[in-house]
Amino acid sequence: MEVIAKYSDYVIQTIEFFKTAIAAELEWRDLKGLTNGMVDMINISKQHPIVTMMSNRLAGRDVEYSNILPAISVTPSNPVDIGWTLGKSYKAELVDDAFILILQNFAKLTDEEIQRELLITKTQISNIIVAYRRAVENTVKCQMHEWRKNEEIHVSLWTETPDMDILISNILDSVLSEIQMGFAGDQSKIRNMEFKTTKGLTNFNFGRVLFGTEYSLTFLNTYNNFTIFADDIINQVDLYATTTAPGE
């Protein structure tokens, strides 16, 4: 058996998915109206806002609260519960023209765009396509293995006033509930999502009181491992196995 490439995919690229989903939902909210003109938009990043302010301080830059807060961050964490499961067993299918067309479409994207859905490189895509074009018909196959992993992330909100913290955290409660259920009923891309909220947090490290709310989200993400291989022998065995009836 000649292995041509191994790669994986996932239902969601966790941090980017939540960051994008929260940002998209907030665009539909009239933040300017809800905050009496105080907030037009909220910065959403992969770095905790307190870390951002501390980095500015260590670099000798003034901490301009108005340029940073209110801010929301989405950061990874380690799940407390069971981490993963093997899920379904292996299954295989033939690599055909439709399979190759999907890979060709991915090859047109940027590396960042590809990695939102697949952990594969353009070199691997090219190797698969070349091997498919050179191979004898029906000898390039894909073996798939689905598994699931329990993941946890933190969503952090920090503001300059307690009223702003309460208002935006109430909006975030609604946004996370909608992600949990999906945007058309129970259509979420993830399973068993739960979140715990810690409200009323304060920070005194920057010469004034900052107010925060922290969310801890846990959920099941689904992954697939793919092995692309060429194997004439497997094809011949499959063919020979059908030539003799049981008992003959």
C-alpha atoms as a PDB file:
ATOM      1  CA  MET A   1       0.000   0.000   0.000  1.00  0.00           C
ATOM      2  CA  GLU A   2       1.437   3.357  -1.060  1.00  0.00           C
ATOM      3  CA  VAL A   3       0.357   6.226   1.191  1.00  0.00           C
ATOM      4  CA  ILE A   4       0.051   9.408  -0.843  1.00  0.00           C
ATOM      5  CA  ALA A   5      -1.065  11.818   1.880  1.00  0.00           C
ATOM      6  CA  LYS A   6      -2.598  12.067   5.338  1.00  0.00           C
ATOM      7  CA  TYR A   7      -4.697  15.020   6.461  1.00  0.00           C
ATOM      8  CA  SER A   8      -7.559  15.925   8.803  1.00  0.00           C
ATOM      9  CA  ASP A   9     -10.609  18.121   8.969  1.00  0.00           C
ATOM     10  CA  TYR A  10     -12.918  19.389  11.697  1.00  0.00           C
ATOM     11  CA  VAL A  11     -16.480  20.621  11.897  1.00  0.00           C
ATOM     12  CA  ILE A  12     -15.184  23.956  13.200  1.00  0.00           C
ATOM     13  CA  GLN A  13     -11.807  25.621  13.629  1.00  0.00           C
ATOM     14  CA  THR A  14     -12.700  26.420  17.203  1.00  0.00           C
ATOM     15  CA  ILE A  15     -11.248  29.840  18.063  1.00  0.00           C
ATOM     16  CA  GLU A  16     -11.817  31.334  14.615  1.00  0.00           C
ATOM     17  CA  PHE A  17     -15.373  29.961  14.497  1.00  0.00           C
ATOM     18  CA  PHE A  18     -16.466  31.589  17.758  1.00  0.00           C
ATOM     19  CA  LYS A  19     -14.583  34.812  17.049  1.00  0.00           C
ATOM     20  CA  THR A  20     -16.257  35.131  13.641  1.00  0.00           C
ATOM     21  CA  ALA A  21     -19.700  34.040  14.863  1.00  0.00           C
ATOM     22  CA  ILE A  22     -19.734  36.544  17.742  1.00  0.00           C
ATOM     23  CA  ALA A  23     -18.494  39.369  15.503  1.00  0.00           C
ATOM     24  CA  ALA A  24     -21.112  38.592  12.831  1.00  0.00           C
ATOM     25  CA  GLU A  25     -23.933  38.534  15.370  1.00  0.00           C
ATOM     26  CA  LEU A  26     -22.864  41.822  16.977  1.00  0.00           C
ATOM     27  CA  GLU A  27     -23.033  43.508  13.588  1.00  0.00           C
ATOM     28  CA  TRP A  28     -26.801  42.931  13.652  1.00  0.00           C
ATOM     29  CA  ARG A  29     -27.134  44.591  17.071  1.00  0.00           C
ATOM     30  CA  ASP A  30     -27.542  48.349  17.284  1.00  0.00           C
ATOM     31  CA  LEU A  31     -24.652  48.816  19.692  1.00  0.00           C
ATOM     32  CA  LYS A  32     -24.541  52.567  19.113  1.00  0.00           C
ATOM     33  CA  GLY A  33     -28.211  52.897  19.971  1.00  0.00           C
ATOM     34  CA  LEU A  34     -28.059  50.539  22.949  1.00  0.00           C
ATOM     35  CA  THR A  35     -25.088  52.400  24.451  1.00  0.00           C
ATOM     36  CA  ASN A  36     -26.371  55.924  23.743  1.00  0.00           C
ATOM     37  CA  GLY A  37     -23.617  56.536  21.224  1.00  0.00           C
ATOM     38  CA  MET A  38     -20.781  55.395  23.505  1.00  0.00           C
ATOM     39  CA  VAL A  39     -19.876  52.245  21.516  1.00  0.00           C
ATOM     40  CA  ASP A  40     -19.916  51.845  17.735  1.00  0.00           C
ATOM     41  CA  MET A  41     -18.133  48.509  17.647  1.00  0.00           C
ATOM     42  CA  ILE A  42     -16.404  46.032  19.958  1.00  0.00           C
ATOM     43  CA  ASN A  43     -12.927  44.695  19.330  1.00  0.00           C
ATOM     44  CA  ILE A  44     -12.946  40.884  19.243  1.00  0.00           C
ATOM     45  CA  SER A  45      -9.562  39.168  19.298  1.00  0.00           C
ATOM     46  CA  LYS A  46      -7.642  36.020  20.243  1.00  0.00           C
ATOM     47  CA  GLN A  47      -5.788  37.899  23.003  1.00  0.00           C
ATOM     48  CA  HIS A  48      -7.349  38.673  26.380  1.00  0.00           C
ATOM     49  CA  PRO A  49      -7.884  42.467  26.736  1.00  0.00           C
ATOM     50  CA  ILE A  50      -6.069  42.521  30.090  1.00  0.00           C
ATOM     51  CA  VAL A  51      -3.071  40.925  28.358  1.00  0.00           C
ATOM     52  CA  THR A  52      -3.258  43.613  25.655  1.00  0.00           C
ATOM     53  CA  MET A  53      -3.193  46.397  28.243  1.00  0.00           C
ATOM     54  CA  MET A  54      -0.376  44.749  30.182  1.00  0.00           C
ATOM     55  CA  SER A  55       1.643  44.374  26.966  1.00  0.00           C
ATOM     56  CA  ASN A  56       1.221  48.088  26.295  1.00  0.00           C
ATOM     57  CA  ARG A  57       2.406  48.908  29.798  1.00  0.00           C
ATOM     58  CA  LEU A  58       5.467  46.643  29.538  1.00  0.00           C
ATOM     59  CA  ALA A  59       6.329  48.244  26.202  1.00  0.00           C
ATOM     60  CA  GLY A  60       6.200  51.699  27.791  1.00  0.00           C
ATOM     61  CA  ARG A  61       3.055  52.739  25.924  1.00  0.00           C
ATOM     62  CA  ASP A  62       0.209  54.566  27.638  1.00  0.00           C
ATOM     63  CA  VAL A  63      -2.845  52.405  28.188  1.00  0.00           C
ATOM     64  CA  GLU A  64      -5.605  54.149  26.240  1.00  0.00           C
ATOM     65  CA  TYR A  65      -8.734  52.506  27.558  1.00  0.00           C
ATOM     66  CA  SER A  66     -10.949  54.056  24.904  1.00  0.00           C
ATOM     67  CA  ASN A  67      -8.881  52.365  22.168  1.00  0.00           C
ATOM     68  CA  ILE A  68      -9.109  48.925  23.789  1.00  0.00           C
ATOM     69  CA  LEU A  69     -12.306  48.695  25.846  1.00  0.00           C
ATOM     70  CA  PRO A  70     -14.907  47.378  25.630  1.00  0.00           C
ATOM     71  CA  ALA A  71     -13.236  44.256  24.287  1.00  0.00           C
ATOM     72  CA  ILE A  72     -14.091  40.587  23.834  1.00  0.00           C
ATOM     73  CA  SER A  73     -11.531  37.809  23.513  1.00  0.00           C
ATOM     74  CA  VAL A  74     -11.827  34.139  22.536  1.00  0.00           C
ATOM     75  CA  THR A  75      -9.025  31.973  23.940  1.00  0.00           C
ATOM     76  CA  PRO A  76      -8.418  28.200  24.276  1.00  0.00           C
ATOM     77  CA  SER A  77      -8.529  26.241  27.521  1.00  0.00           C
ATOM     78  CA  ASN A  78      -8.112  22.662  28.694  1.00  0.00           C
ATOM     79  CA  PRO A  79     -11.321  20.626  29.205  1.00  0.00           C
ATOM     80  CA  VAL A  80     -11.806  19.021  32.602  1.00  0.00           C
ATOM     81  CA  ASP A  81     -13.961  16.149  31.349  1.00  0.00           C
ATOM     82  CA  ILE A  82     -12.970  13.237  29.121  1.00  0.00           C
ATOM     83  CA  GLY A  83     -10.918  14.631  26.276  1.00  0.00           C
ATOM     84  CA  TRP A  84     -11.761  12.514  23.245  1.00  0.00           C
ATOM     85  CA  THR A  85     -13.369   9.417  21.810  1.00  0.00           C
ATOM     86  CA  LEU A  86     -12.497   7.241  18.827  1.00  0.00           C
ATOM     87  CA  GLY A  87     -16.033   7.556  17.490  1.00  0.00           C
ATOM     88  CA  LYS A  88     -16.856   5.565  14.376  1.00  0.00           C
ATOM     89  CA  SER A  89     -14.668   2.860  12.846  1.00  0.00           C
ATOM     90  CA  TYR A  90     -12.692   3.154   9.644  1.00  0.00           C
ATOM     91  CA  LYS A  91     -14.418   3.307   6.276  1.00  0.00           C
ATOM     92  CA  ALA A  92     -13.014   3.630   2.778  1.00  0.00           C
ATOM     93  CA  GLU A  93     -14.186   5.004  -0.547  1.00  0.00           C
ATOM     94  CA  LEU A  94     -12.732   5.407  -4.016  1.00  0.00           C
ATOM     95  CA  VAL A  95     -11.155   8.705  -4.963  1.00  0.00           C
ATOM     96  CA  ASP A  96     -13.046   9.886  -8.042  1.00  0.00           C
ATOM     97  CA  ASP A  97     -13.377  13.004 -10.206  1.00  0.00           C
ATOM     98  CA  ALA A  98     -15.802  14.635  -7.749  1.00  0.00           C
ATOM     99  CA  PHE A  99     -13.353  14.068  -4.870  1.00  0.00           C
ATOM    100  CA  ILE A 100     -10.521  15.613  -6.906  1.00  0.00           C
ATOM    101  CA  LEU A 101     -12.699  18.603  -7.888  1.00  0.00           C
ATOM    102  CA  ILE A 102     -13.238  19.416  -4.218  1.00  0.00           C
ATOM    103  CA  LEU A 103      -9.471  19.390  -3.613  1.00  0.00           C
ATOM    104  CA  GLN A 104      -8.883  21.544  -6.699  1.00  0.00           C
ATOM    105  CA  ASN A 105     -11.293  24.138  -5.342  1.00  0.00           C
ATOM    106  CA  PHE A 106      -9.434  24.158  -2.017  1.00  0.00           C
ATOM    107  CA  ALA A 107      -6.142  24.645  -3.888  1.00  0.00           C
ATOM    108  CA  LYS A 108      -7.470  27.977  -5.207  1.00  0.00           C
ATOM    109  CA  LEU A 109      -7.834  29.349  -1.678  1.00  0.00           C
ATOM    110  CA  THR A 110      -5.228  30.922   0.600  1.00  0.00           C
ATOM    111  CA  ASP A 111      -3.524  28.767   3.229  1.00  0.00           C
ATOM    112  CA  GLU A 112      -5.556  30.508   5.948  1.00  0.00           C
ATOM    113  CA  GLU A 113      -8.831  29.844   4.132  1.00  0.00           C
ATOM    114  CA  ILE A 114      -7.941  26.181   3.590  1.00  0.00           C
ATOM    115  CA  GLN A 115      -7.086  25.656   7.251  1.00  0.00           C
ATOM    116  CA  ARG A 116     -10.505  26.891   8.358  1.00  0.00           C
ATOM    117  CA  GLU A 117     -11.799  23.548   7.107  1.00  0.00           C
ATOM    118  CA  LEU A 118      -8.878  21.206   6.401  1.00  0.00           C
ATOM    119  CA  LEU A 119      -5.479  20.537   7.939  1.00  0.00           C
ATOM    120  CA  ILE A 120      -3.904  20.008   4.527  1.00  0.00           C
ATOM    121  CA  THR A 121      -1.277  21.821   2.461  1.00  0.00           C
ATOM    122  CA  LYS A 122      -1.295  22.748  -1.214  1.00  0.00           C
ATOM    123  CA  THR A 123       1.665  20.391  -1.695  1.00  0.00           C
ATOM    124  CA  GLN A 124      -0.423  17.478  -0.359  1.00  0.00           C
ATOM    125  CA  ILE A 125      -3.331  18.465  -2.613  1.00  0.00           C
ATOM    126  CA  SER A 126      -0.994  18.521  -5.609  1.00  0.00           C
ATOM    127  CA  ASN A 127       0.449  15.111  -4.690  1.00  0.00           C
ATOM    128  CA  ILE A 128      -3.035  13.570  -4.483  1.00  0.00           C
ATOM    129  CA  ILE A 129      -4.109  15.035  -7.826  1.00  0.00           C
ATOM    130  CA  VAL A 130      -0.921  13.894  -9.584  1.00  0.00           C
ATOM    131  CA  ALA A 131      -1.191  10.387  -8.127  1.00  0.00           C
ATOM    132  CA  TYR A 132      -4.849  10.139  -9.170  1.00  0.00           C
ATOM    133  CA  ARG A 133      -4.096  11.140 -12.758  1.00  0.00           C
ATOM    134  CA  ARG A 134      -1.254   8.618 -13.031  1.00  0.00           C
ATOM    135  CA  ALA A 135      -2.965   5.697 -11.318  1.00  0.00           C
ATOM    136  CA  VAL A 136      -4.840   2.792 -12.809  1.00  0.00           C
ATOM    137  CA  GLU A 137      -8.615   3.314 -12.544  1.00  0.00           C
ATOM    138  CA  ASN A 138     -10.125   2.638  -9.089  1.00  0.00           C
ATOM    139  CA  THR A 139      -6.769   2.132  -7.372  1.00  0.00           C
ATOM    140  CA  VAL A 140      -6.614   5.422  -5.432  1.00  0.00           C
ATOM    141  CA  LYS A 141      -8.684   5.234  -2.274  1.00  0.00           C
ATOM    142  CA  CYS A 142      -9.478   7.308   0.792  1.00  0.00           C
ATOM    143  CA  GLN A 143      -9.673   5.757   4.242  1.00  0.00           C
ATOM    144  CA  MET A 144     -11.631   7.901   6.735  1.00  0.00           C
ATOM    145  CA  HIS A 145     -11.748   7.758  10.509  1.00  0.00           C
ATOM    146  CA  GLU A 146     -14.197   9.974  12.383  1.00  0.00           C
ATOM    147  CA  TRP A 147     -13.576  10.914  16.023  1.00  0.00           C
ATOM    148  CA  ARG A 148     -14.743  13.529  18.494  1.00  0.00           C
ATOM    149  CA  LYS A 149     -12.983  15.683  21.041  1.00  0.00           C
ATOM    150  CA  ASN A 150     -14.326  17.563  24.034  1.00  0.00           C
ATOM    151  CA  GLU A 151     -13.064  21.149  23.791  1.00  0.00           C
ATOM    152  CA  GLU A 152     -13.202  24.187  26.041  1.00  0.00           C
ATOM    153  CA  ILE A 153     -12.718  27.878  25.324  1.00  0.00           C
ATOM    154  CA  HIS A 154     -12.968  31.112  27.290  1.00  0.00           C
ATOM    155  CA  VAL A 155     -14.883  34.154  26.091  1.00  0.00           C
ATOM    156  CA  SER A 156     -13.882  37.253  28.064  1.00  0.00           C
ATOM    157  CA  LEU A 157     -15.570  40.651  28.174  1.00  0.00           C
ATOM    158  CA  TRP A 158     -14.014  43.711  29.826  1.00  0.00           C
ATOM    159  CA  THR A 159     -15.393  47.252  29.967  1.00  0.00           C
ATOM    160  CA  GLU A 160     -14.825  50.592  31.698  1.00  0.00           C
ATOM    161  CA  THR A 161     -18.118  50.772  33.605  1.00  0.00           C
ATOM    162  CA  PRO A 162     -20.363  48.291  35.416  1.00  0.00           C
ATOM    163  CA  ASP A 163     -23.394  49.398  33.373  1.00  0.00           C
ATOM    164  CA  MET A 164     -21.547  48.666  30.122  1.00  0.00           C
ATOM    165  CA  ASP A 165     -20.445  45.284  31.470  1.00  0.00           C
ATOM    166  CA  ILE A 166     -24.031  44.338  32.353  1.00  0.00           C
ATOM    167  CA  LEU A 167     -25.433  45.523  29.007  1.00  0.00           C
ATOM    168  CA  ILE A 168     -22.885  43.821  26.754  1.00  0.00           C
ATOM    169  CA  SER A 169     -22.797  40.623  28.817  1.00  0.00           C
ATOM    170  CA  ASN A 170     -26.583  40.364  28.423  1.00  0.00           C
ATOM    171  CA  ILE A 171     -26.084  40.624  24.656  1.00  0.00           C
ATOM    172  CA  LEU A 172     -23.329  37.991  24.800  1.00  0.00           C
ATOM    173  CA  ASP A 173     -25.647  35.648  26.717  1.00  0.00           C
ATOM    174  CA  SER A 174     -28.074  35.845  23.800  1.00  0.00           C
ATOM    175  CA  VAL A 175     -25.368  35.439  21.162  1.00  0.00           C
ATOM    176  CA  LEU A 176     -23.881  32.327  22.797  1.00  0.00           C
ATOM    177  CA  SER A 177     -27.327  30.789  23.224  1.00  0.00           C
ATOM    178  CA  GLU A 178     -27.966  31.277  19.512  1.00  0.00           C
ATOM    179  CA  ILE A 179     -24.629  29.659  18.617  1.00  0.00           C
ATOM    180  CA  GLN A 180     -25.532  26.775  20.924  1.00  0.00           C
ATOM    181  CA  MET A 181     -28.810  26.139  19.095  1.00  0.00           C
ATOM    182  CA  GLY A 182     -27.739  27.211  15.630  1.00  0.00           C
ATOM    183  CA  PHE A 183     -29.378  29.989  13.678  1.00  0.00           C
ATOM    184  CA  ALA A 184     -32.358  27.933  12.449  1.00  0.00           C
ATOM    185  CA  GLY A 185     -33.413  25.750  15.346  1.00  0.00           C
ATOM    186  CA  ASP A 186     -31.168  22.913  16.477  1.00  0.00           C
ATOM    187  CA  GLN A 187     -28.667  23.374  13.644  1.00  0.00           C
ATOM    188  CA  SER A 188     -25.463  24.121  15.527  1.00  0.00           C
ATOM    189  CA  LYS A 189     -22.258  22.716  14.021  1.00  0.00           C
ATOM    190  CA  ILE A 190     -21.156  21.556  17.469  1.00  0.00           C
ATOM    191  CA  ARG A 191     -22.714  19.199  19.994  1.00  0.00           C
ATOM    192  CA  ASN A 192     -23.310  19.231  23.762  1.00  0.00           C
ATOM    193  CA  MET A 193     -22.358  22.887  24.107  1.00  0.00           C
ATOM    194  CA  GLU A 194     -22.647  24.279  27.622  1.00  0.00           C
ATOM    195  CA  PHE A 195     -21.377  27.527  29.064  1.00  0.00           C
ATOM    196  CA  LYS A 196     -20.844  28.879  32.554  1.00  0.00           C
ATOM    197  CA  THR A 197     -20.726  32.595  33.300  1.00  0.00           C
ATOM    198  CA  THR A 198     -18.809  34.488  35.970  1.00  0.00           C
ATOM    199  CA  LYS A 199     -20.112  38.053  36.280  1.00  0.00           C
ATOM    200  CA  GLY A 200     -19.110  41.024  38.426  1.00  0.00           C
ATOM    201  CA  LEU A 201     -15.329  40.673  37.947  1.00  0.00           C
ATOM    202  CA  THR A 202     -13.079  43.660  38.644  1.00  0.00           C
ATOM    203  CA  ASN A 203      -9.462  44.554  37.925  1.00  0.00           C
ATOM    204  CA  PHE A 204      -7.449  47.263  39.730  1.00  0.00           C
ATOM    205  CA  ASN A 205      -4.087  46.902  37.948  1.00  0.00           C
ATOM    206  CA  PHE A 206      -4.306  49.897  35.629  1.00  0.00           C
ATOM    207  CA  GLY A 207      -5.014  52.854  37.899  1.00  0.00           C
ATOM    208  CA  ARG A 208      -8.772  52.523  37.703  1.00  0.00           C
ATOM    209  CA  VAL A 209     -11.434  49.863  38.140  1.00  0.00           C
ATOM    210  CA  LEU A 210     -12.247  47.701  35.112  1.00  0.00           C
ATOM    211  CA  PHE A 211     -15.323  45.480  34.985  1.00  0.00           C
ATOM    212  CA  GLY A 212     -15.527  42.061  33.379  1.00  0.00           C
ATOM    213  CA  THR A 213     -17.524  38.934  32.618  1.00  0.00           C
ATOM    214  CA  GLU A 214     -15.951  35.574  31.777  1.00  0.00           C
ATOM    215  CA  TYR A 215     -17.562  32.636  29.975  1.00  0.00           C
ATOM    216  CA  SER A 216     -16.308  29.038  29.976  1.00  0.00           C
ATOM    217  CA  LEU A 217     -17.665  27.023  27.027  1.00  0.00           C
ATOM    218  CA  THR A 218     -17.413  23.266  26.586  1.00  0.00           C
ATOM    219  CA  PHE A 219     -18.606  21.287  23.557  1.00  0.00           C
ATOM    220  CA  LEU A 220     -17.892  18.307  21.300  1.00  0.00           C
ATOM    221  CA  ASN A 221     -16.085  18.981  18.051  1.00  0.00           C
ATOM    222  CA  THR A 222     -16.018  16.314  15.317  1.00  0.00           C
ATOM    223  CA  TYR A 223     -12.853  15.455  13.392  1.00  0.00           C
ATOM    224  CA  ASN A 224     -11.987  13.193  10.458  1.00  0.00           C
ATOM    225  CA  ASN A 225      -8.615  11.683   9.626  1.00  0.00           C
ATOM    226  CA  PHE A 226      -8.042  10.926   5.939  1.00  0.00           C
ATOM    227  CA  THR A 227      -5.443   8.607   4.428  1.00  0.00           C
ATOM    228  CA  ILE A 228      -5.123   8.700   0.640  1.00  0.00           C
ATOM    229  CA  PHE A 229      -3.442   5.578  -0.710  1.00  0.00           C
ATOM    230  CA  ALA A 230      -2.925   3.579  -3.882  1.00  0.00           C
ATOM    231  CA  ASP A 231      -3.059  -0.197  -3.687  1.00  0.00           C
ATOM    232  CA  ASP A 232      -3.518  -2.494  -6.695  1.00  0.00           C
ATOM    233  CA  ILE A 233      -3.436  -5.608  -4.500  1.00  0.00           C
ATOM    234  CA  ILE A 234      -6.485  -4.574  -2.480  1.00  0.00           C
ATOM    235  CA  ASN A 235      -8.348  -3.997  -5.731  1.00  0.00           C
ATOM    236  CA  GLN A 236      -7.407  -7.462  -7.045  1.00  0.00           C
ATOM    237  CA  VAL A 237      -8.389  -9.188  -3.816  1.00  0.00           C
ATOM    238  CA  ASP A 238     -11.768  -7.472  -3.909  1.00  0.00           C
ATOM    239  CA  LEU A 239     -12.206  -8.653  -7.509  1.00  0.00           C
ATOM    240  CA  TYR A 240     -11.117 -12.269  -6.888  1.00  0.00           C
ATOM    241  CA  ALA A 241     -13.328 -12.538  -3.801  1.00  0.00           C
ATOM    242  CA  THR A 242     -16.434 -12.249  -5.945  1.00  0.00           C
ATOM    243  CA  THR A 243     -15.542 -15.007  -8.434  1.00  0.00           C
ATOM    244  CA  THR A 244     -16.272 -17.991  -6.171  1.00  0.00           C
ATOM    245  CA  ALA A 245     -19.585 -18.625  -4.501  1.00  0.00           C
ATOM    246  CA  PRO A 246     -19.618 -19.889  -0.888  1.00  0.00           C
ATOM    247  CA  GLY A 247     -19.418 -23.677  -0.693  1.00  0.00           C
ATOM    248  CA  GLU A 248     -17.831 -24.193  -4.110  1.00  0.00           C
END
